[in-house]
């Protein structure tokens, strides 16, 4: 059974940095793509950063501030977040995508809280 476990969420002041980690286990195959989503109170979940093969993509609001990276040896995906703003406050979720036989399976972590406040 596939499991994703996030860590690294915390309370941080505006302008600060955090690094989120997501460790995957239980998959017989390497994930084709991994991503970070976030959901703020009263808002829909949004895609923040995506690593798909050699391609990375970011929502406009975090470009230049966040960086997604993968360590395939450790089965871990990271989200380095710099210059944090109060509007970055949300629960951040790890997402893993596996493409097999023409279909895509999605897996989710439980989320980690990031709060940016002075």
PDB file of N, CA and C in Angstrom:
ATOM      1  N   UNK A   1       0.841  -1.184   0.000  1.00  0.00           N
ATOM      2  CA  UNK A   1       0.000   0.000   0.000  1.00  0.00           C
ATOM      3  C   UNK A   1       0.879   1.237   0.000  1.00  0.00           C
ATOM      4  N   UNK A   2       0.554   2.146  -0.928  1.00  0.00           N
ATOM      5  CA  UNK A   2       1.342   3.359  -1.056  1.00  0.00           C
ATOM      6  C   UNK A   2       1.038   4.311   0.091  1.00  0.00           C
ATOM      7  N   UNK A   3       2.085   4.907   0.633  1.00  0.00           N
ATOM      8  CA  UNK A   3       1.944   5.872   1.718  1.00  0.00           C
ATOM      9  C   UNK A   3       2.819   7.083   1.425  1.00  0.00           C
ATOM     10  N   UNK A   4       2.282   8.262   1.669  1.00  0.00           N
ATOM     11  CA  UNK A   4       3.027   9.511   1.554  1.00  0.00           C
ATOM     12  C   UNK A   4       2.970  10.212   2.904  1.00  0.00           C
ATOM     13  N   UNK A   5       4.101  10.622   3.413  1.00  0.00           N
ATOM     14  CA  UNK A   5       4.141  11.284   4.712  1.00  0.00           C
ATOM     15  C   UNK A   5       4.891  12.604   4.595  1.00  0.00           C
ATOM     16  N   UNK A   6       4.161  13.691   4.840  1.00  0.00           N
ATOM     17  CA  UNK A   6       4.750  15.020   4.790  1.00  0.00           C
ATOM     18  C   UNK A   6       5.298  15.422   6.158  1.00  0.00           C
ATOM     19  N   UNK A   7       6.262  16.317   6.133  1.00  0.00           N
ATOM     20  CA  UNK A   7       6.785  16.920   7.352  1.00  0.00           C
ATOM     21  C   UNK A   7       7.389  18.269   7.004  1.00  0.00           C
ATOM     22  N   UNK A   8       7.648  19.051   8.046  1.00  0.00           N
ATOM     23  CA  UNK A   8       8.326  20.327   7.839  1.00  0.00           C
ATOM     24  C   UNK A   8       7.450  21.547   8.012  1.00  0.00           C
ATOM     25  N   UNK A   9       6.145  21.357   8.127  1.00  0.00           N
ATOM     26  CA  UNK A   9       5.281  22.511   8.327  1.00  0.00           C
ATOM     27  C   UNK A   9       5.517  23.140   9.692  1.00  0.00           C
ATOM     28  N   UNK A  10       5.319  24.454   9.753  1.00  0.00           N
ATOM     29  CA  UNK A  10       5.610  25.155  11.005  1.00  0.00           C
ATOM     30  C   UNK A  10       5.022  26.554  10.945  1.00  0.00           C
ATOM     31  N   UNK A  11       5.152  27.269  12.041  1.00  0.00           N
ATOM     32  CA  UNK A  11       4.826  28.691  12.101  1.00  0.00           C
ATOM     33  C   UNK A  11       6.106  29.470  11.798  1.00  0.00           C
ATOM     34  N   UNK A  12       6.029  30.385  10.845  1.00  0.00           N
ATOM     35  CA  UNK A  12       7.207  31.143  10.444  1.00  0.00           C
ATOM     36  C   UNK A  12       6.804  32.592  10.200  1.00  0.00           C
ATOM     37  N   UNK A  13       7.738  33.498  10.419  1.00  0.00           N
ATOM     38  CA  UNK A  13       7.448  34.914  10.189  1.00  0.00           C
ATOM     39  C   UNK A  13       7.517  35.245   8.708  1.00  0.00           C
ATOM     40  N   UNK A  14       6.815  36.284   8.291  1.00  0.00           N
ATOM     41  CA  UNK A  14       6.928  36.724   6.891  1.00  0.00           C
ATOM     42  C   UNK A  14       8.377  36.979   6.513  1.00  0.00           C
ATOM     43  N   UNK A  15       8.728  36.534   5.314  1.00  0.00           N
ATOM     44  CA  UNK A  15      10.106  36.637   4.856  1.00  0.00           C
ATOM     45  C   UNK A  15      10.962  35.443   5.195  1.00  0.00           C
ATOM     46  N   UNK A  16      10.449  34.558   6.019  1.00  0.00           N
ATOM     47  CA  UNK A  16      11.196  33.380   6.431  1.00  0.00           C
ATOM     48  C   UNK A  16      11.152  32.256   5.405  1.00  0.00           C
ATOM     49  N   UNK A  17      11.783  31.150   5.765  1.00  0.00           N
ATOM     50  CA  UNK A  17      11.880  29.996   4.874  1.00  0.00           C
ATOM     51  C   UNK A  17      11.487  28.716   5.606  1.00  0.00           C
ATOM     52  N   UNK A  18      10.999  27.774   4.828  1.00  0.00           N
ATOM     53  CA  UNK A  18      10.717  26.429   5.318  1.00  0.00           C
ATOM     54  C   UNK A  18      11.033  25.443   4.208  1.00  0.00           C
ATOM     55  N   UNK A  19      11.355  24.231   4.604  1.00  0.00           N
ATOM     56  CA  UNK A  19      11.487  23.154   3.624  1.00  0.00           C
ATOM     57  C   UNK A  19      10.566  22.014   4.029  1.00  0.00           C
ATOM     58  N   UNK A  20       9.638  21.706   3.136  1.00  0.00           N
ATOM     59  CA  UNK A  20       8.738  20.582   3.337  1.00  0.00           C
ATOM     60  C   UNK A  20       9.336  19.335   2.711  1.00  0.00           C
ATOM     61  N   UNK A  21       9.076  18.204   3.347  1.00  0.00           N
ATOM     62  CA  UNK A  21       9.526  16.920   2.826  1.00  0.00           C
ATOM     63  C   UNK A  21       8.346  15.976   2.727  1.00  0.00           C
ATOM     64  N   UNK A  22       8.410  15.089   1.754  1.00  0.00           N
ATOM     65  CA  UNK A  22       7.380  14.065   1.592  1.00  0.00           C
ATOM     66  C   UNK A  22       8.078  12.764   1.227  1.00  0.00           C
ATOM     67  N   UNK A  23       7.965  11.800   2.131  1.00  0.00           N
ATOM     68  CA  UNK A  23       8.584  10.494   1.912  1.00  0.00           C
ATOM     69  C   UNK A  23       7.522   9.508   1.457  1.00  0.00           C
ATOM     70  N   UNK A  24       7.803   8.815   0.369  1.00  0.00           N
ATOM     71  CA  UNK A  24       6.862   7.823  -0.141  1.00  0.00           C
ATOM     72  C   UNK A  24       7.360   6.421   0.162  1.00  0.00           C
ATOM     73  N   UNK A  25       6.417   5.527   0.318  1.00  0.00           N
ATOM     74  CA  UNK A  25       6.763   4.126   0.545  1.00  0.00           C
ATOM     75  C   UNK A  25       5.656   3.254  -0.007  1.00  0.00           C
ATOM     76  N   UNK A  26       5.990   1.990  -0.259  1.00  0.00           N
ATOM     77  CA  UNK A  26       4.997   1.013  -0.655  1.00  0.00           C
ATOM     78  C   UNK A  26       4.735   0.886  -2.139  1.00  0.00           C
ATOM     79  N   UNK A  27       5.379   1.718  -2.972  1.00  0.00           N
ATOM     80  CA  UNK A  27       5.142   1.623  -4.407  1.00  0.00           C
ATOM     81  C   UNK A  27       6.183   0.719  -5.057  1.00  0.00           C
ATOM     82  N   UNK A  28       5.714  -0.125  -5.960  1.00  0.00           N
ATOM     83  CA  UNK A  28       6.626  -1.000  -6.702  1.00  0.00           C
ATOM     84  C   UNK A  28       7.241  -0.268  -7.892  1.00  0.00           C
ATOM     85  N   UNK A  29       6.696   0.885  -8.225  1.00  0.00           N
ATOM     86  CA  UNK A  29       7.165   1.648  -9.368  1.00  0.00           C
ATOM     87  C   UNK A  29       7.554   3.058  -8.927  1.00  0.00           C
ATOM     88  N   UNK A  30       8.482   3.658  -9.682  1.00  0.00           N
ATOM     89  CA  UNK A  30       8.821   5.047  -9.419  1.00  0.00           C
ATOM     90  C   UNK A  30       7.689   5.925  -9.925  1.00  0.00           C
ATOM     91  N   UNK A  31       7.312   6.894  -9.138  1.00  0.00           N
ATOM     92  CA  UNK A  31       6.242   7.789  -9.543  1.00  0.00           C
ATOM     93  C   UNK A  31       6.662   8.620 -10.757  1.00  0.00           C
ATOM     94  N   UNK A  32       5.762   8.775 -11.703  1.00  0.00           N
ATOM     95  CA  UNK A  32       6.029   9.574 -12.889  1.00  0.00           C
ATOM     96  C   UNK A  32       6.123  11.058 -12.559  1.00  0.00           C
ATOM     97  N   UNK A  33       5.315  11.468 -11.621  1.00  0.00           N
ATOM     98  CA  UNK A  33       5.286  12.877 -11.232  1.00  0.00           C
ATOM     99  C   UNK A  33       4.988  12.994  -9.745  1.00  0.00           C
ATOM    100  N   UNK A  34       5.516  14.056  -9.168  1.00  0.00           N
ATOM    101  CA  UNK A  34       5.178  14.376  -7.780  1.00  0.00           C
ATOM    102  C   UNK A  34       4.910  15.868  -7.699  1.00  0.00           C
ATOM    103  N   UNK A  35       4.035  16.215  -6.793  1.00  0.00           N
ATOM    104  CA  UNK A  35       3.601  17.614  -6.736  1.00  0.00           C
ATOM    105  C   UNK A  35       3.267  18.008  -5.301  1.00  0.00           C
ATOM    106  N   UNK A  36       3.205  19.299  -5.110  1.00  0.00           N
ATOM    107  CA  UNK A  36       2.720  19.870  -3.860  1.00  0.00           C
ATOM    108  C   UNK A  36       1.488  20.703  -4.165  1.00  0.00           C
ATOM    109  N   UNK A  37       0.455  20.486  -3.391  1.00  0.00           N
ATOM    110  CA  UNK A  37      -0.758  21.283  -3.427  1.00  0.00           C
ATOM    111  C   UNK A  37      -0.901  21.985  -2.078  1.00  0.00           C
ATOM    112  N   UNK A  38      -1.769  22.972  -2.057  1.00  0.00           N
ATOM    113  CA  UNK A  38      -2.092  23.601  -0.776  1.00  0.00           C
ATOM    114  C   UNK A  38      -3.557  23.992  -0.748  1.00  0.00           C
ATOM    115  N   UNK A  39      -4.076  24.071   0.461  1.00  0.00           N
ATOM    116  CA  UNK A  39      -5.468  24.485   0.637  1.00  0.00           C
ATOM    117  C   UNK A  39      -5.546  25.399   1.842  1.00  0.00           C
ATOM    118  N   UNK A  40      -5.959  26.623   1.580  1.00  0.00           N
ATOM    119  CA  UNK A  40      -6.158  27.599   2.638  1.00  0.00           C
ATOM    120  C   UNK A  40      -7.611  27.542   3.098  1.00  0.00           C
ATOM    121  N   UNK A  41      -7.897  27.999   4.310  1.00  0.00           N
ATOM    122  CA  UNK A  41      -9.278  27.962   4.807  1.00  0.00           C
ATOM    123  C   UNK A  41     -10.239  28.674   3.869  1.00  0.00           C
ATOM    124  N   UNK A  42     -11.317  28.014   3.532  1.00  0.00           N
ATOM    125  CA  UNK A  42     -12.329  28.606   2.669  1.00  0.00           C
ATOM    126  C   UNK A  42     -11.986  28.642   1.198  1.00  0.00           C
ATOM    127  N   UNK A  43     -10.863  28.058   0.827  1.00  0.00           N
ATOM    128  CA  UNK A  43     -10.436  28.069  -0.572  1.00  0.00           C
ATOM    129  C   UNK A  43     -10.289  26.650  -1.094  1.00  0.00           C
ATOM    130  N   UNK A  44     -10.272  26.540  -2.425  1.00  0.00           N
ATOM    131  CA  UNK A  44     -10.083  25.237  -3.042  1.00  0.00           C
ATOM    132  C   UNK A  44      -8.599  24.856  -3.009  1.00  0.00           C
ATOM    133  N   UNK A  45      -8.361  23.562  -3.058  1.00  0.00           N
ATOM    134  CA  UNK A  45      -6.993  23.085  -3.129  1.00  0.00           C
ATOM    135  C   UNK A  45      -6.379  23.512  -4.468  1.00  0.00           C
ATOM    136  N   UNK A  46      -5.153  24.017  -4.424  1.00  0.00           N
ATOM    137  CA  UNK A  46      -4.502  24.459  -5.649  1.00  0.00           C
ATOM    138  C   UNK A  46      -3.136  23.794  -5.808  1.00  0.00           C
ATOM    139  N   UNK A  47      -2.770  23.590  -7.069  1.00  0.00           N
ATOM    140  CA  UNK A  47      -1.457  23.046  -7.378  1.00  0.00           C
ATOM    141  C   UNK A  47      -0.416  24.132  -7.172  1.00  0.00           C
ATOM    142  N   UNK A  48       0.603  23.849  -6.388  1.00  0.00           N
ATOM    143  CA  UNK A  48       1.654  24.814  -6.096  1.00  0.00           C
ATOM    144  C   UNK A  48       2.887  24.545  -6.949  1.00  0.00           C
ATOM    145  N   UNK A  49       3.314  23.292  -6.998  1.00  0.00           N
ATOM    146  CA  UNK A  49       4.534  22.951  -7.720  1.00  0.00           C
ATOM    147  C   UNK A  49       4.442  21.519  -8.213  1.00  0.00           C
ATOM    148  N   UNK A  50       4.983  21.295  -9.395  1.00  0.00           N
ATOM    149  CA  UNK A  50       4.916  19.984 -10.035  1.00  0.00           C
ATOM    150  C   UNK A  50       6.288  19.601 -10.573  1.00  0.00           C
ATOM    151  N   UNK A  51       6.682  18.363 -10.319  1.00  0.00           N
ATOM    152  CA  UNK A  51       7.882  17.792 -10.912  1.00  0.00           C
ATOM    153  C   UNK A  51       7.450  16.568 -11.701  1.00  0.00           C
ATOM    154  N   UNK A  52       7.560  16.662 -13.055  1.00  0.00           N
ATOM    155  CA  UNK A  52       7.081  15.596 -13.929  1.00  0.00           C
ATOM    156  C   UNK A  52       8.196  15.295 -14.924  1.00  0.00           C
ATOM    157  N   UNK A  53       8.921  14.203 -14.678  1.00  0.00           N
ATOM    158  CA  UNK A  53      10.094  13.930 -15.486  1.00  0.00           C
ATOM    159  C   UNK A  53      11.112  15.040 -15.290  1.00  0.00           C
ATOM    160  N   UNK A  54      11.536  15.628 -16.380  1.00  0.00           N
ATOM    161  CA  UNK A  54      12.503  16.713 -16.298  1.00  0.00           C
ATOM    162  C   UNK A  54      11.839  18.088 -16.193  1.00  0.00           C
ATOM    163  N   UNK A  55      10.549  18.098 -16.210  1.00  0.00           N
ATOM    164  CA  UNK A  55       9.795  19.366 -16.192  1.00  0.00           C
ATOM    165  C   UNK A  55       9.338  19.725 -14.795  1.00  0.00           C
ATOM    166  N   UNK A  56       9.486  21.003 -14.469  1.00  0.00           N
ATOM    167  CA  UNK A  56       8.902  21.538 -13.241  1.00  0.00           C
ATOM    168  C   UNK A  56       7.992  22.699 -13.602  1.00  0.00           C
ATOM    169  N   UNK A  57       6.990  22.910 -12.784  1.00  0.00           N
ATOM    170  CA  UNK A  57       6.054  23.989 -13.040  1.00  0.00           C
ATOM    171  C   UNK A  57       5.551  24.511 -11.700  1.00  0.00           C
ATOM    172  N   UNK A  58       5.217  25.790 -11.683  1.00  0.00           N
ATOM    173  CA  UNK A  58       4.802  26.441 -10.444  1.00  0.00           C
ATOM    174  C   UNK A  58       3.614  27.355 -10.700  1.00  0.00           C
ATOM    175  N   UNK A  59       2.774  27.474  -9.694  1.00  0.00           N
ATOM    176  CA  UNK A  59       1.723  28.486  -9.767  1.00  0.00           C
ATOM    177  C   UNK A  59       2.407  29.853  -9.743  1.00  0.00           C
ATOM    178  N   UNK A  60       1.829  30.809 -10.446  1.00  0.00           N
ATOM    179  CA  UNK A  60       2.476  32.119 -10.600  1.00  0.00           C
ATOM    180  C   UNK A  60       2.835  32.767  -9.263  1.00  0.00           C
ATOM    181  N   UNK A  61       2.004  32.580  -8.269  1.00  0.00           N
ATOM    182  CA  UNK A  61       2.194  33.280  -7.000  1.00  0.00           C
ATOM    183  C   UNK A  61       3.438  32.829  -6.227  1.00  0.00           C
ATOM    184  N   UNK A  62       4.031  31.690  -6.616  1.00  0.00           N
ATOM    185  CA  UNK A  62       5.210  31.210  -5.882  1.00  0.00           C
ATOM    186  C   UNK A  62       6.460  31.179  -6.753  1.00  0.00           C
ATOM    187  N   UNK A  63       6.334  31.523  -8.018  1.00  0.00           N
ATOM    188  CA  UNK A  63       7.494  31.490  -8.914  1.00  0.00           C
ATOM    189  C   UNK A  63       8.593  32.417  -8.400  1.00  0.00           C
ATOM    190  N   UNK A  64       9.816  31.885  -8.388  1.00  0.00           N
ATOM    191  CA  UNK A  64      10.947  32.645  -7.885  1.00  0.00           C
ATOM    192  C   UNK A  64      11.143  32.524  -6.384  1.00  0.00           C
ATOM    193  N   UNK A  65      10.168  31.947  -5.695  1.00  0.00           N
ATOM    194  CA  UNK A  65      10.270  31.801  -4.228  1.00  0.00           C
ATOM    195  C   UNK A  65      10.312  30.345  -3.782  1.00  0.00           C
ATOM    196  N   UNK A  66       9.590  29.473  -4.475  1.00  0.00           N
ATOM    197  CA  UNK A  66       9.516  28.061  -4.108  1.00  0.00           C
ATOM    198  C   UNK A  66      10.287  27.224  -5.130  1.00  0.00           C
ATOM    199  N   UNK A  67      10.848  26.118  -4.640  1.00  0.00           N
ATOM    200  CA  UNK A  67      11.545  25.183  -5.518  1.00  0.00           C
ATOM    201  C   UNK A  67      11.186  23.761  -5.127  1.00  0.00           C
ATOM    202  N   UNK A  68      10.748  22.985  -6.119  1.00  0.00           N
ATOM    203  CA  UNK A  68      10.454  21.577  -5.892  1.00  0.00           C
ATOM    204  C   UNK A  68      11.644  20.750  -6.375  1.00  0.00           C
ATOM    205  N   UNK A  69      11.955  19.713  -5.602  1.00  0.00           N
ATOM    206  CA  UNK A  69      13.057  18.835  -5.992  1.00  0.00           C
ATOM    207  C   UNK A  69      12.759  17.424  -5.513  1.00  0.00           C
ATOM    208  N   UNK A  70      13.394  16.455  -6.152  1.00  0.00           N
ATOM    209  CA  UNK A  70      13.170  15.050  -5.837  1.00  0.00           C
ATOM    210  C   UNK A  70      14.506  14.369  -5.564  1.00  0.00           C
ATOM    211  N   UNK A  71      14.484  13.452  -4.611  1.00  0.00           N
ATOM    212  CA  UNK A  71      15.596  12.552  -4.350  1.00  0.00           C
ATOM    213  C   UNK A  71      15.056  11.147  -4.540  1.00  0.00           C
ATOM    214  N   UNK A  72      15.297  10.567  -5.713  1.00  0.00           N
ATOM    215  CA  UNK A  72      14.711   9.266  -6.022  1.00  0.00           C
ATOM    216  C   UNK A  72      15.336   8.142  -5.202  1.00  0.00           C
ATOM    217  N   UNK A  73      16.534   8.343  -4.724  1.00  0.00           N
ATOM    218  CA  UNK A  73      17.166   7.329  -3.871  1.00  0.00           C
ATOM    219  C   UNK A  73      16.440   7.257  -2.524  1.00  0.00           C
ATOM    220  N   UNK A  74      16.076   8.408  -2.017  1.00  0.00           N
ATOM    221  CA  UNK A  74      15.387   8.473  -0.722  1.00  0.00           C
ATOM    222  C   UNK A  74      13.869   8.451  -0.867  1.00  0.00           C
ATOM    223  N   UNK A  75      13.373   8.362  -2.103  1.00  0.00           N
ATOM    224  CA  UNK A  75      11.920   8.388  -2.344  1.00  0.00           C
ATOM    225  C   UNK A  75      11.278   9.606  -1.685  1.00  0.00           C
ATOM    226  N   UNK A  76      11.910  10.725  -1.840  1.00  0.00           N
ATOM    227  CA  UNK A  76      11.473  11.939  -1.161  1.00  0.00           C
ATOM    228  C   UNK A  76      11.354  13.096  -2.154  1.00  0.00           C
ATOM    229  N   UNK A  77      10.324  13.891  -1.969  1.00  0.00           N
ATOM    230  CA  UNK A  77      10.179  15.132  -2.713  1.00  0.00           C
ATOM    231  C   UNK A  77      10.173  16.275  -1.709  1.00  0.00           C
ATOM    232  N   UNK A  78      10.816  17.351  -2.088  1.00  0.00           N
ATOM    233  CA  UNK A  78      10.947  18.504  -1.199  1.00  0.00           C
ATOM    234  C   UNK A  78      10.271  19.732  -1.813  1.00  0.00           C
ATOM    235  N   UNK A  79       9.900  20.642  -0.953  1.00  0.00           N
ATOM    236  CA  UNK A  79       9.458  21.957  -1.400  1.00  0.00           C
ATOM    237  C   UNK A  79      10.190  22.987  -0.555  1.00  0.00           C
ATOM    238  N   UNK A  80      11.148  23.653  -1.160  1.00  0.00           N
ATOM    239  CA  UNK A  80      11.867  24.724  -0.487  1.00  0.00           C
ATOM    240  C   UNK A  80      11.079  26.008  -0.683  1.00  0.00           C
ATOM    241  N   UNK A  81      10.698  26.632   0.401  1.00  0.00           N
ATOM    242  CA  UNK A  81       9.869  27.828   0.348  1.00  0.00           C
ATOM    243  C   UNK A  81      10.630  28.990   0.978  1.00  0.00           C
ATOM    244  N   UNK A  82      10.908  29.986   0.193  1.00  0.00           N
ATOM    245  CA  UNK A  82      11.621  31.173   0.658  1.00  0.00           C
ATOM    246  C   UNK A  82      10.729  32.404   0.546  1.00  0.00           C
ATOM    247  N   UNK A  83      11.125  33.452   1.238  1.00  0.00           N
ATOM    248  CA  UNK A  83      10.378  34.721   1.191  1.00  0.00           C
ATOM    249  C   UNK A  83       8.895  34.494   1.423  1.00  0.00           C
ATOM    250  N   UNK A  84       8.588  33.753   2.444  1.00  0.00           N
ATOM    251  CA  UNK A  84       7.201  33.378   2.706  1.00  0.00           C
ATOM    252  C   UNK A  84       6.347  34.594   3.037  1.00  0.00           C
ATOM    253  N   UNK A  85       5.095  34.517   2.597  1.00  0.00           N
ATOM    254  CA  UNK A  85       4.126  35.588   2.794  1.00  0.00           C
ATOM    255  C   UNK A  85       2.935  35.046   3.576  1.00  0.00           C
ATOM    256  N   UNK A  86       2.192  35.914   4.248  1.00  0.00           N
ATOM    257  CA  UNK A  86       1.005  35.441   4.973  1.00  0.00           C
ATOM    258  C   UNK A  86       0.030  34.671   4.069  1.00  0.00           C
ATOM    259  N   UNK A  87      -0.050  35.057   2.809  1.00  0.00           N
ATOM    260  CA  UNK A  87      -0.963  34.370   1.902  1.00  0.00           C
ATOM    261  C   UNK A  87      -0.491  32.960   1.519  1.00  0.00           C
ATOM    262  N   UNK A  88       0.695  32.582   1.944  1.00  0.00           N
ATOM    263  CA  UNK A  88       1.159  31.206   1.751  1.00  0.00           C
ATOM    264  C   UNK A  88       0.622  30.272   2.841  1.00  0.00           C
ATOM    265  N   UNK A  89      -0.028  30.838   3.835  1.00  0.00           N
ATOM    266  CA  UNK A  89      -0.584  30.033   4.913  1.00  0.00           C
ATOM    267  C   UNK A  89      -1.616  29.056   4.369  1.00  0.00           C
ATOM    268  N   UNK A  90      -1.420  27.778   4.657  1.00  0.00           N
ATOM    269  CA  UNK A  90      -2.311  26.736   4.141  1.00  0.00           C
ATOM    270  C   UNK A  90      -1.845  25.388   4.671  1.00  0.00           C
ATOM    271  N   UNK A  91      -2.668  24.389   4.438  1.00  0.00           N
ATOM    272  CA  UNK A  91      -2.217  23.007   4.612  1.00  0.00           C
ATOM    273  C   UNK A  91      -1.625  22.569   3.275  1.00  0.00           C
ATOM    274  N   UNK A  92      -0.405  22.063   3.324  1.00  0.00           N
ATOM    275  CA  UNK A  92       0.293  21.636   2.115  1.00  0.00           C
ATOM    276  C   UNK A  92       0.239  20.111   2.011  1.00  0.00           C
ATOM    277  N   UNK A  93      -0.148  19.650   0.829  1.00  0.00           N
ATOM    278  CA  UNK A  93      -0.327  18.224   0.579  1.00  0.00           C
ATOM    279  C   UNK A  93       0.649  17.741  -0.487  1.00  0.00           C
ATOM    280  N   UNK A  94       1.200  16.585  -0.242  1.00  0.00           N
ATOM    281  CA  UNK A  94       2.045  15.915  -1.218  1.00  0.00           C
ATOM    282  C   UNK A  94       1.162  15.049  -2.114  1.00  0.00           C
ATOM    283  N   UNK A  95       1.480  15.041  -3.391  1.00  0.00           N
ATOM    284  CA  UNK A  95       0.736  14.251  -4.385  1.00  0.00           C
ATOM    285  C   UNK A  95       1.719  13.456  -5.235  1.00  0.00           C
ATOM    286  N   UNK A  96       1.417  12.199  -5.454  1.00  0.00           N
ATOM    287  CA  UNK A  96       2.250  11.353  -6.307  1.00  0.00           C
ATOM    288  C   UNK A  96       1.380  10.744  -7.392  1.00  0.00           C
ATOM    289  N   UNK A  97       1.906  10.702  -8.617  1.00  0.00           N
ATOM    290  CA  UNK A  97       1.143  10.215  -9.772  1.00  0.00           C
ATOM    291  C   UNK A  97       1.897   9.059 -10.419  1.00  0.00           C
ATOM    292  N   UNK A  98       1.156   8.001 -10.670  1.00  0.00           N
ATOM    293  CA  UNK A  98       1.722   6.816 -11.288  1.00  0.00           C
ATOM    294  C   UNK A  98       0.923   6.492 -12.539  1.00  0.00           C
ATOM    295  N   UNK A  99       1.591   6.425 -13.658  1.00  0.00           N
ATOM    296  CA  UNK A  99       0.921   6.156 -14.943  1.00  0.00           C
ATOM    297  C   UNK A  99       1.238   4.725 -15.365  1.00  0.00           C
ATOM    298  N   UNK A 100       0.196   3.919 -15.428  1.00  0.00           N
ATOM    299  CA  UNK A 100       0.334   2.515 -15.798  1.00  0.00           C
ATOM    300  C   UNK A 100      -0.810   2.122 -16.715  1.00  0.00           C
ATOM    301  N   UNK A 101      -0.472   1.464 -17.815  1.00  0.00           N
ATOM    302  CA  UNK A 101      -1.506   0.948 -18.688  1.00  0.00           C
ATOM    303  C   UNK A 101      -2.475   1.992 -19.186  1.00  0.00           C
ATOM    304  N   UNK A 102      -1.979   3.192 -19.450  1.00  0.00           N
ATOM    305  CA  UNK A 102      -2.830   4.229 -20.000  1.00  0.00           C
ATOM    306  C   UNK A 102      -3.687   4.973 -18.981  1.00  0.00           C
ATOM    307  N   UNK A 103      -3.567   4.647 -17.736  1.00  0.00           N
ATOM    308  CA  UNK A 103      -4.322   5.378 -16.723  1.00  0.00           C
ATOM    309  C   UNK A 103      -3.372   5.944 -15.681  1.00  0.00           C
ATOM    310  N   UNK A 104      -3.863   6.925 -14.934  1.00  0.00           N
ATOM    311  CA  UNK A 104      -3.042   7.593 -13.932  1.00  0.00           C
ATOM    312  C   UNK A 104      -3.657   7.399 -12.556  1.00  0.00           C
ATOM    313  N   UNK A 105      -2.826   6.947 -11.625  1.00  0.00           N
ATOM    314  CA  UNK A 105      -3.251   6.800 -10.235  1.00  0.00           C
ATOM    315  C   UNK A 105      -2.662   7.942  -9.425  1.00  0.00           C
ATOM    316  N   UNK A 106      -3.479   8.499  -8.542  1.00  0.00           N
ATOM    317  CA  UNK A 106      -3.051   9.607  -7.693  1.00  0.00           C
ATOM    318  C   UNK A 106      -3.050   9.165  -6.237  1.00  0.00           C
ATOM    319  N   UNK A 107      -1.995   9.569  -5.546  1.00  0.00           N
ATOM    320  CA  UNK A 107      -1.878   9.282  -4.123  1.00  0.00           C
ATOM    321  C   UNK A 107      -1.635  10.588  -3.379  1.00  0.00           C
ATOM    322  N   UNK A 108      -2.151  10.631  -2.137  1.00  0.00           N
ATOM    323  CA  UNK A 108      -2.085  11.869  -1.364  1.00  0.00           C
ATOM    324  C   UNK A 108      -1.564  11.615   0.043  1.00  0.00           C
ATOM    325  N   UNK A 109      -0.829  12.592   0.559  1.00  0.00           N
ATOM    326  CA  UNK A 109      -0.467  12.580   1.966  1.00  0.00           C
ATOM    327  C   UNK A 109      -1.562  13.226   2.804  1.00  0.00           C
ATOM    328  N   UNK A 110      -1.332  13.250   4.110  1.00  0.00           N
ATOM    329  CA  UNK A 110      -2.319  13.789   5.047  1.00  0.00           C
ATOM    330  C   UNK A 110      -2.213  15.305   5.200  1.00  0.00           C
ATOM    331  N   UNK A 111      -1.125  15.880   4.769  1.00  0.00           N
ATOM    332  CA  UNK A 111      -0.974  17.329   4.834  1.00  0.00           C
ATOM    333  C   UNK A 111      -0.125  17.791   6.006  1.00  0.00           C
ATOM    334  N   UNK A 112       0.495  18.946   5.823  1.00  0.00           N
ATOM    335  CA  UNK A 112       1.276  19.568   6.889  1.00  0.00           C
ATOM    336  C   UNK A 112       0.954  21.063   6.895  1.00  0.00           C
ATOM    337  N   UNK A 113       0.743  21.614   8.076  1.00  0.00           N
ATOM    338  CA  UNK A 113       0.299  23.000   8.204  1.00  0.00           C
ATOM    339  C   UNK A 113       1.483  23.957   8.115  1.00  0.00           C
ATOM    340  N   UNK A 114       1.327  24.945   7.253  1.00  0.00           N
ATOM    341  CA  UNK A 114       2.274  26.053   7.168  1.00  0.00           C
ATOM    342  C   UNK A 114       1.529  27.329   7.527  1.00  0.00           C
ATOM    343  N   UNK A 115       2.032  28.028   8.521  1.00  0.00           N
ATOM    344  CA  UNK A 115       1.430  29.289   8.946  1.00  0.00           C
ATOM    345  C   UNK A 115       2.484  30.378   8.887  1.00  0.00           C
ATOM    346  N   UNK A 116       2.184  31.420   8.139  1.00  0.00           N
ATOM    347  CA  UNK A 116       3.104  32.550   8.004  1.00  0.00           C
ATOM    348  C   UNK A 116       2.456  33.750   8.686  1.00  0.00           C
ATOM    349  N   UNK A 117       3.044  34.146   9.792  1.00  0.00           N
ATOM    350  CA  UNK A 117       2.448  35.217  10.599  1.00  0.00           C
ATOM    351  C   UNK A 117       3.501  35.816  11.501  1.00  0.00           C
ATOM    352  N   UNK A 118       3.345  37.114  11.759  1.00  0.00           N
ATOM    353  CA  UNK A 118       4.227  37.785  12.705  1.00  0.00           C
ATOM    354  C   UNK A 118       3.614  37.796  14.097  1.00  0.00           C
TER     355      UNK A 118
END
